[in-house]
C-alpha atoms as a PDB file:
ATOM      1  CA  UNK A   1      16.399 100.690 131.060  1.00  0.00           C
ATOM      2  CA  UNK A   2      15.496  99.589 127.625  1.00  0.00           C
ATOM      3  CA  UNK A   3      16.776  96.348 127.930  1.00  0.00           C
ATOM      4  CA  UNK A   4      14.776  93.399 126.152  1.00  0.00           C
ATOM      5  CA  UNK A   5      12.727  90.852 128.526  1.00  0.00           C
ATOM      6  CA  UNK A   6      11.327  87.571 127.136  1.00  0.00           C
ATOM      7  CA  UNK A   7       8.270  86.724 129.144  1.00  0.00           C
ATOM      8  CA  UNK A   8       7.120  83.026 129.436  1.00  0.00           C
ATOM      9  CA  UNK A   9       3.670  84.499 127.691  1.00  0.00           C
ATOM     10  CA  UNK A  10       5.564  85.082 124.521  1.00  0.00           C
ATOM     11  CA  UNK A  11       6.780  81.240 124.063  1.00  0.00           C
ATOM     12  CA  UNK A  12       3.603  80.072 124.477  1.00  0.00           C
ATOM     13  CA  UNK A  13       2.353  80.460 120.728  1.00  0.00           C
ATOM     14  CA  UNK A  14       0.371  78.476 118.438  1.00  0.00           C
ATOM     15  CA  UNK A  15       1.109  78.127 114.557  1.00  0.00           C
ATOM     16  CA  UNK A  16      -0.968  81.167 113.859  1.00  0.00           C
ATOM     17  CA  UNK A  17       1.473  83.404 116.035  1.00  0.00           C
ATOM     18  CA  UNK A  18       4.358  81.873 115.014  1.00  0.00           C
ATOM     19  CA  UNK A  19       3.661  82.793 111.424  1.00  0.00           C
ATOM     20  CA  UNK A  20       3.062  86.067 112.769  1.00  0.00           C
ATOM     21  CA  UNK A  21       6.001  86.607 114.528  1.00  0.00           C
ATOM     22  CA  UNK A  22       8.497  85.025 112.062  1.00  0.00           C
ATOM     23  CA  UNK A  23       6.798  87.691 109.504  1.00  0.00           C
ATOM     24  CA  UNK A  24       7.670  90.731 111.496  1.00  0.00           C
ATOM     25  CA  UNK A  25      11.088  88.755 112.230  1.00  0.00           C
ATOM     26  CA  UNK A  26      11.766  89.127 108.396  1.00  0.00           C
ATOM     27  CA  UNK A  27      10.327  92.273 108.004  1.00  0.00           C
ATOM     28  CA  UNK A  28      12.718  93.964 110.804  1.00  0.00           C
ATOM     29  CA  UNK A  29      15.508  94.907 108.660  1.00  0.00           C
ATOM     30  CA  UNK A  30      13.077  97.392 106.119  1.00  0.00           C
ATOM     31  CA  UNK A  31      10.177  97.886 108.471  1.00  0.00           C
ATOM     32  CA  UNK A  32      11.549 101.648 108.733  1.00  0.00           C
ATOM     33  CA  UNK A  33      12.144 101.827 105.279  1.00  0.00           C
ATOM     34  CA  UNK A  34       8.990 100.524 103.773  1.00  0.00           C
ATOM     35  CA  UNK A  35       6.391 101.519 106.091  1.00  0.00           C
ATOM     36  CA  UNK A  36       7.865 104.965 107.920  1.00  0.00           C
ATOM     37  CA  UNK A  37       6.985 107.234 105.050  1.00  0.00           C
ATOM     38  CA  UNK A  38       3.695 105.415 104.469  1.00  0.00           C
ATOM     39  CA  UNK A  39       2.334 105.291 108.274  1.00  0.00           C
ATOM     40  CA  UNK A  40       3.528 108.701 109.269  1.00  0.00           C
ATOM     41  CA  UNK A  41       0.376 110.971 108.972  1.00  0.00           C
ATOM     42  CA  UNK A  42      -1.605 108.298 111.009  1.00  0.00           C
ATOM     43  CA  UNK A  43       1.258 107.656 113.703  1.00  0.00           C
ATOM     44  CA  UNK A  44       2.033 111.535 114.317  1.00  0.00           C
ATOM     45  CA  UNK A  45      -2.147 111.963 114.956  1.00  0.00           C
ATOM     46  CA  UNK A  46      -1.687 108.927 117.353  1.00  0.00           C
ATOM     47  CA  UNK A  47       1.093 110.091 119.172  1.00  0.00           C
ATOM     48  CA  UNK A  48      -0.381 113.635 119.282  1.00  0.00           C
ATOM     49  CA  UNK A  49      -3.829 112.034 120.809  1.00  0.00           C
ATOM     50  CA  UNK A  50      -1.175 109.893 123.107  1.00  0.00           C
ATOM     51  CA  UNK A  51       0.676 113.122 123.977  1.00  0.00           C
ATOM     52  CA  UNK A  52      -2.657 115.292 125.030  1.00  0.00           C
ATOM     53  CA  UNK A  53      -3.179 112.542 127.725  1.00  0.00           C
ATOM     54  CA  UNK A  54       0.041 112.159 129.134  1.00  0.00           C
ATOM     55  CA  UNK A  55       0.844 109.807 132.398  1.00  0.00           C
ATOM     56  CA  UNK A  56       1.974 105.960 131.802  1.00  0.00           C
ATOM     57  CA  UNK A  57       1.743 104.710 127.868  1.00  0.00           C
ATOM     58  CA  UNK A  58       1.813 100.853 126.933  1.00  0.00           C
ATOM     59  CA  UNK A  59       2.616 100.941 122.883  1.00  0.00           C
ATOM     60  CA  UNK A  60       2.041  97.276 121.695  1.00  0.00           C
ATOM     61  CA  UNK A  61       3.268  96.043 118.857  1.00  0.00           C
ATOM     62  CA  UNK A  62       5.818  98.477 119.374  1.00  0.00           C
ATOM     63  CA  UNK A  63       7.671  97.154 116.458  1.00  0.00           C
ATOM     64  CA  UNK A  64      11.130  98.814 115.872  1.00  0.00           C
ATOM     65  CA  UNK A  65      10.407 101.840 118.065  1.00  0.00           C
ATOM     66  CA  UNK A  66       9.965 104.215 115.113  1.00  0.00           C
ATOM     67  CA  UNK A  67       7.340 105.897 117.458  1.00  0.00           C
ATOM     68  CA  UNK A  68       9.156 106.217 120.520  1.00  0.00           C
ATOM     69  CA  UNK A  69      10.787 109.603 119.945  1.00  0.00           C
ATOM     70  CA  UNK A  70       7.626 111.040 119.019  1.00  0.00           C
ATOM     71  CA  UNK A  71       6.336 110.647 122.403  1.00  0.00           C
ATOM     72  CA  UNK A  72       6.482 113.473 125.144  1.00  0.00           C
ATOM     73  CA  UNK A  73       9.181 113.291 127.337  1.00  0.00           C
ATOM     74  CA  UNK A  74       6.856 113.607 130.450  1.00  0.00           C
ATOM     75  CA  UNK A  75       5.325 110.221 129.307  1.00  0.00           C
ATOM     76  CA  UNK A  76       6.441 107.399 130.786  1.00  0.00           C
ATOM     77  CA  UNK A  77       6.349 104.386 128.116  1.00  0.00           C
ATOM     78  CA  UNK A  78       6.470 100.820 128.050  1.00  0.00           C
ATOM     79  CA  UNK A  79       6.704  98.613 124.620  1.00  0.00           C
ATOM     80  CA  UNK A  80       5.871  94.933 123.910  1.00  0.00           C
ATOM     81  CA  UNK A  81       5.880  93.364 120.488  1.00  0.00           C
ATOM     82  CA  UNK A  82       5.777  89.768 119.160  1.00  0.00           C
ATOM     83  CA  UNK A  83       9.239  89.845 117.068  1.00  0.00           C
ATOM     84  CA  UNK A  84      12.103  90.017 119.184  1.00  0.00           C
ATOM     85  CA  UNK A  85      13.977  90.817 115.838  1.00  0.00           C
ATOM     86  CA  UNK A  86      11.669  94.044 116.115  1.00  0.00           C
ATOM     87  CA  UNK A  87      12.820  94.754 119.461  1.00  0.00           C
ATOM     88  CA  UNK A  88      16.382  94.568 118.877  1.00  0.00           C
ATOM     89  CA  UNK A  89      16.057  97.386 116.491  1.00  0.00           C
ATOM     90  CA  UNK A  90      13.683  99.261 118.773  1.00  0.00           C
ATOM     91  CA  UNK A  91      16.240  99.165 121.723  1.00  0.00           C
ATOM     92  CA  UNK A  92      19.079 100.418 119.106  1.00  0.00           C
ATOM     93  CA  UNK A  93      16.709 103.736 118.593  1.00  0.00           C
ATOM     94  CA  UNK A  94      16.786 103.881 122.481  1.00  0.00           C
ATOM     95  CA  UNK A  95      20.060 104.174 122.921  1.00  0.00           C
ATOM     96  CA  UNK A  96      20.696 106.142 119.787  1.00  0.00           C
ATOM     97  CA  UNK A  97      18.351 108.926 120.618  1.00  0.00           C
ATOM     98  CA  UNK A  98      19.013 108.636 124.723  1.00  0.00           C
ATOM     99  CA  UNK A  99      15.303 108.209 125.458  1.00  0.00           C
ATOM    100  CA  UNK A 100      15.241 108.118 129.376  1.00  0.00           C
ATOM    101  CA  UNK A 101      11.423 107.908 129.497  1.00  0.00           C
ATOM    102  CA  UNK A 102      11.263 104.496 127.861  1.00  0.00           C
ATOM    103  CA  UNK A 103      10.477 102.032 131.324  1.00  0.00           C
ATOM    104  CA  UNK A 104      11.128  98.851 129.452  1.00  0.00           C
ATOM    105  CA  UNK A 105      10.728  96.530 125.966  1.00  0.00           C
ATOM    106  CA  UNK A 106       9.603  93.348 126.329  1.00  0.00           C
ATOM    107  CA  UNK A 107       8.619  90.522 123.993  1.00  0.00           C
ATOM    108  CA  UNK A 108       5.081  89.761 124.735  1.00  0.00           C
ATOM    109  CA  UNK A 109       1.718  88.368 123.249  1.00  0.00           C
ATOM    110  CA  UNK A 110      -1.001  90.983 122.223  1.00  0.00           C
ATOM    111  CA  UNK A 111      -3.679  88.203 123.184  1.00  0.00           C
ATOM    112  CA  UNK A 112      -1.890  88.061 127.015  1.00  0.00           C
ATOM    113  CA  UNK A 113      -0.463  91.044 128.172  1.00  0.00           C
ATOM    114  CA  UNK A 114       1.743  90.321 131.576  1.00  0.00           C
ATOM    115  CA  UNK A 115       0.481  93.314 133.304  1.00  0.00           C
ATOM    116  CA  UNK A 116      -1.921  93.792 136.037  1.00  0.00           C
ATOM    117  CA  UNK A 117      -5.236  95.374 135.380  1.00  0.00           C
ATOM    118  CA  UNK A 118      -5.856  99.199 135.346  1.00  0.00           C
ATOM    119  CA  UNK A 119      -1.794  99.623 134.909  1.00  0.00           C
ATOM    120  CA  UNK A 120      -2.085 102.168 131.795  1.00  0.00           C
ATOM    121  CA  UNK A 121      -3.378 105.446 131.125  1.00  0.00           C
ATOM    122  CA  UNK A 122      -2.875 104.899 127.387  1.00  0.00           C
ATOM    123  CA  UNK A 123      -2.795 101.665 125.571  1.00  0.00           C
ATOM    124  CA  UNK A 124      -1.619 102.449 121.719  1.00  0.00           C
ATOM    125  CA  UNK A 125      -1.881 100.055 119.135  1.00  0.00           C
ATOM    126  CA  UNK A 126      -0.467 100.698 115.423  1.00  0.00           C
ATOM    127  CA  UNK A 127      -1.769  98.426 112.689  1.00  0.00           C
ATOM    128  CA  UNK A 128      -1.746  95.420 115.533  1.00  0.00           C
ATOM    129  CA  UNK A 129      -5.344  94.785 116.062  1.00  0.00           C
ATOM    130  CA  UNK A 130      -6.008  92.701 112.614  1.00  0.00           C
ATOM    131  CA  UNK A 131      -2.612  90.839 112.567  1.00  0.00           C
ATOM    132  CA  UNK A 132      -3.126  89.173 115.840  1.00  0.00           C
ATOM    133  CA  UNK A 133      -4.962  85.409 115.413  1.00  0.00           C
ATOM    134  CA  UNK A 134      -7.683  86.490 117.936  1.00  0.00           C
ATOM    135  CA  UNK A 135      -8.649  90.687 117.756  1.00  0.00           C
ATOM    136  CA  UNK A 136     -11.265  90.757 120.032  1.00  0.00           C
ATOM    137  CA  UNK A 137      -8.932  88.815 122.791  1.00  0.00           C
ATOM    138  CA  UNK A 138      -6.241  91.799 122.377  1.00  0.00           C
ATOM    139  CA  UNK A 139      -8.768  94.406 122.403  1.00  0.00           C
ATOM    140  CA  UNK A 140      -9.959  92.889 125.956  1.00  0.00           C
ATOM    141  CA  UNK A 141      -6.786  92.843 126.687  1.00  0.00           C
ATOM    142  CA  UNK A 142      -5.986  96.280 125.956  1.00  0.00           C
ATOM    143  CA  UNK A 143      -9.150  97.672 127.903  1.00  0.00           C
ATOM    144  CA  UNK A 144      -8.626  95.218 130.904  1.00  0.00           C
ATOM    145  CA  UNK A 145      -4.912  97.042 131.468  1.00  0.00           C
ATOM    146  CA  UNK A 146      -6.054 100.547 130.921  1.00  0.00           C
ATOM    147  CA  UNK A 147      -6.599 102.771 133.946  1.00  0.00           C
ATOM    148  CA  UNK A 148     -10.690 104.139 134.094  1.00  0.00           C
ATOM    149  CA  UNK A 149     -10.762 107.365 132.596  1.00  0.00           C
ATOM    150  CA  UNK A 150      -7.771 106.530 129.998  1.00  0.00           C
ATOM    151  CA  UNK A 151      -8.060 105.867 126.366  1.00  0.00           C
ATOM    152  CA  UNK A 152      -7.329 102.836 123.740  1.00  0.00           C
ATOM    153  CA  UNK A 153      -5.788 104.363 120.907  1.00  0.00           C
ATOM    154  CA  UNK A 154      -5.624 102.279 117.877  1.00  0.00           C
ATOM    155  CA  UNK A 155      -4.601 102.722 114.290  1.00  0.00           C
ATOM    156  CA  UNK A 156      -6.348  99.955 112.178  1.00  0.00           C
ATOM    157  CA  UNK A 157      -7.049  99.199 109.184  1.00  0.00           C
ATOM    158  CA  UNK A 158     -11.308  99.299 108.395  1.00  0.00           C
ATOM    159  CA  UNK A 159     -12.454  96.773 105.317  1.00  0.00           C
ATOM    160  CA  UNK A 160     -15.328  97.642 103.397  1.00  0.00           C
ATOM    161  CA  UNK A 161     -18.994  95.910 104.573  1.00  0.00           C
ATOM    162  CA  UNK A 162     -19.519  95.231 100.852  1.00  0.00           C
ATOM    163  CA  UNK A 163     -18.965  95.919  96.984  1.00  0.00           C
ATOM    164  CA  UNK A 164     -15.879  95.794  94.443  1.00  0.00           C
ATOM    165  CA  UNK A 165     -13.138  96.885  97.251  1.00  0.00           C
ATOM    166  CA  UNK A 166     -14.668  93.920  99.838  1.00  0.00           C
ATOM    167  CA  UNK A 167     -14.402  91.620  96.854  1.00  0.00           C
ATOM    168  CA  UNK A 168     -10.826  92.643  96.275  1.00  0.00           C
ATOM    169  CA  UNK A 169      -9.652  92.722  99.906  1.00  0.00           C
ATOM    170  CA  UNK A 170     -11.429  88.842 100.221  1.00  0.00           C
ATOM    171  CA  UNK A 171      -9.214  88.117  97.563  1.00  0.00           C
ATOM    172  CA  UNK A 172      -5.763  89.784  98.518  1.00  0.00           C
ATOM    173  CA  UNK A 173      -5.851  88.248 101.597  1.00  0.00           C
ATOM    174  CA  UNK A 174      -4.761  84.555 100.972  1.00  0.00           C
ATOM    175  CA  UNK A 175      -1.469  86.458  99.580  1.00  0.00           C
ATOM    176  CA  UNK A 176      -0.619  88.860 102.293  1.00  0.00           C
ATOM    177  CA  UNK A 177      -1.401  86.568 105.256  1.00  0.00           C
ATOM    178  CA  UNK A 178       1.790  85.022 105.248  1.00  0.00           C
ATOM    179  CA  UNK A 179       3.278  88.440 105.405  1.00  0.00           C
ATOM    180  CA  UNK A 180       1.550  89.166 108.571  1.00  0.00           C
ATOM    181  CA  UNK A 181      -1.176  91.059 106.913  1.00  0.00           C
ATOM    182  CA  UNK A 182      -4.871  90.913 106.942  1.00  0.00           C
ATOM    183  CA  UNK A 183      -6.756  92.798 103.910  1.00  0.00           C
ATOM    184  CA  UNK A 184     -10.375  91.665 104.832  1.00  0.00           C
ATOM    185  CA  UNK A 185     -12.343  90.501 107.991  1.00  0.00           C
ATOM    186  CA  UNK A 186     -12.386  94.107 109.783  1.00  0.00           C
ATOM    187  CA  UNK A 187     -15.316  95.989 108.847  1.00  0.00           C
ATOM    188  CA  UNK A 188     -16.562  98.676 111.364  1.00  0.00           C
ATOM    189  CA  UNK A 189     -19.431  96.653 112.239  1.00  0.00           C
ATOM    190  CA  UNK A 190     -16.845  94.210 113.724  1.00  0.00           C
ATOM    191  CA  UNK A 191     -15.319  96.939 115.994  1.00  0.00           C
ATOM    192  CA  UNK A 192     -18.837  98.134 116.813  1.00  0.00           C
ATOM    193  CA  UNK A 193     -19.768  94.627 118.077  1.00  0.00           C
ATOM    194  CA  UNK A 194     -16.844  94.199 120.157  1.00  0.00           C
ATOM    195  CA  UNK A 195     -17.599  97.744 122.008  1.00  0.00           C
ATOM    196  CA  UNK A 196     -21.170  96.641 122.272  1.00  0.00           C
ATOM    197  CA  UNK A 197     -19.904  93.741 124.395  1.00  0.00           C
ATOM    198  CA  UNK A 198     -16.863  95.807 126.299  1.00  0.00           C
ATOM    199  CA  UNK A 199     -17.803  96.669 129.444  1.00  0.00           C
ATOM    200  CA  UNK A 200     -17.291 100.094 130.384  1.00  0.00           C
ATOM    201  CA  UNK A 201     -15.744 100.851 127.131  1.00  0.00           C
ATOM    202  CA  UNK A 202     -17.285 104.084 124.926  1.00  0.00           C
ATOM    203  CA  UNK A 203     -16.093 105.162 121.602  1.00  0.00           C
ATOM    204  CA  UNK A 204     -14.301 108.670 121.706  1.00  0.00           C
ATOM    205  CA  UNK A 205     -13.126 109.342 118.254  1.00  0.00           C
ATOM    206  CA  UNK A 206     -13.167 107.613 114.972  1.00  0.00           C
ATOM    207  CA  UNK A 207     -11.461 109.190 111.693  1.00  0.00           C
ATOM    208  CA  UNK A 208      -9.733 108.544 108.549  1.00  0.00           C
ATOM    209  CA  UNK A 209      -6.251 108.643 108.045  1.00  0.00           C
ATOM    210  CA  UNK A 210      -3.942 108.238 104.932  1.00  0.00           C
ATOM    211  CA  UNK A 211      -3.109 106.663 102.984  1.00  0.00           C
ATOM    212  CA  UNK A 212      -5.743 105.475 100.440  1.00  0.00           C
ATOM    213  CA  UNK A 213      -8.662 105.899 103.482  1.00  0.00           C
ATOM    214  CA  UNK A 214      -8.602 102.197 104.372  1.00  0.00           C
ATOM    215  CA  UNK A 215      -7.252 102.962 107.594  1.00  0.00           C
ATOM    216  CA  UNK A 216      -8.640 104.899 111.093  1.00  0.00           C
ATOM    217  CA  UNK A 217      -7.553 106.563 113.904  1.00  0.00           C
ATOM    218  CA  UNK A 218      -9.941 105.152 116.780  1.00  0.00           C
ATOM    219  CA  UNK A 219      -9.573 106.194 120.327  1.00  0.00           C
ATOM    220  CA  UNK A 220     -12.110 104.352 123.147  1.00  0.00           C
ATOM    221  CA  UNK A 221     -12.426 105.841 126.185  1.00  0.00           C
ATOM    222  CA  UNK A 222     -12.577 103.357 129.505  1.00  0.00           C
ATOM    223  CA  UNK A 223     -15.192 105.257 131.844  1.00  0.00           C
ATOM    224  CA  UNK A 224     -15.920 104.797 135.872  1.00  0.00           C
ATOM    225  CA  UNK A 225     -18.211 102.529 135.533  1.00  0.00           C
ATOM    226  CA  UNK A 226     -15.981  99.771 134.448  1.00  0.00           C
ATOM    227  CA  UNK A 227     -14.064 100.571 138.131  1.00  0.00           C
ATOM    228  CA  UNK A 228     -17.080  99.866 139.631  1.00  0.00           C
ATOM    229  CA  UNK A 229     -18.409  96.601 137.715  1.00  0.00           C
END
């Protein structure tokens, strides 16, 4: 059930996307060890919000599948990631835990999701938005495949608009970019600007998530207005 599918859209990668893919292929063997505990509180908060909504869930950037055992068993989960090495670990986790609610795992570009409009009740993206080459395009795709009344739930870095923290984040950017990360460019004003132009999307929640207050859990809801537009 959880065999990895490699879809055509994943082959159409420019240099930046190849950089991200290669970075996360390198992270795959140690990702759980390095980030499993650091991001555990945010992961649990995002999964708890998802479990309350229920239905069919798309997890974009599912990675090694570290979140998959946390979903309620009545949910139906489809996981995508740009890294096939990550998905190999996710498939192993599905098999080891005997997870029956995983519809599939597929190599897929977050900016070109190969699903019809209005396919999912929840779209979950943990630490993905700041890692893709074109974040607004990815957010548009997440909103597109979301059903009216559903929620887009993201765990994401929110960088500083000004001050010493912004200075440090900008200085770190050239160092962390080859690792598949971004430290700057993502002040809340950027998310707000996307939301202002997104048809039928509204902010449902925004709250700080450990560690260090650099990350936030953000929930966007797709209204029925989107279906009528």
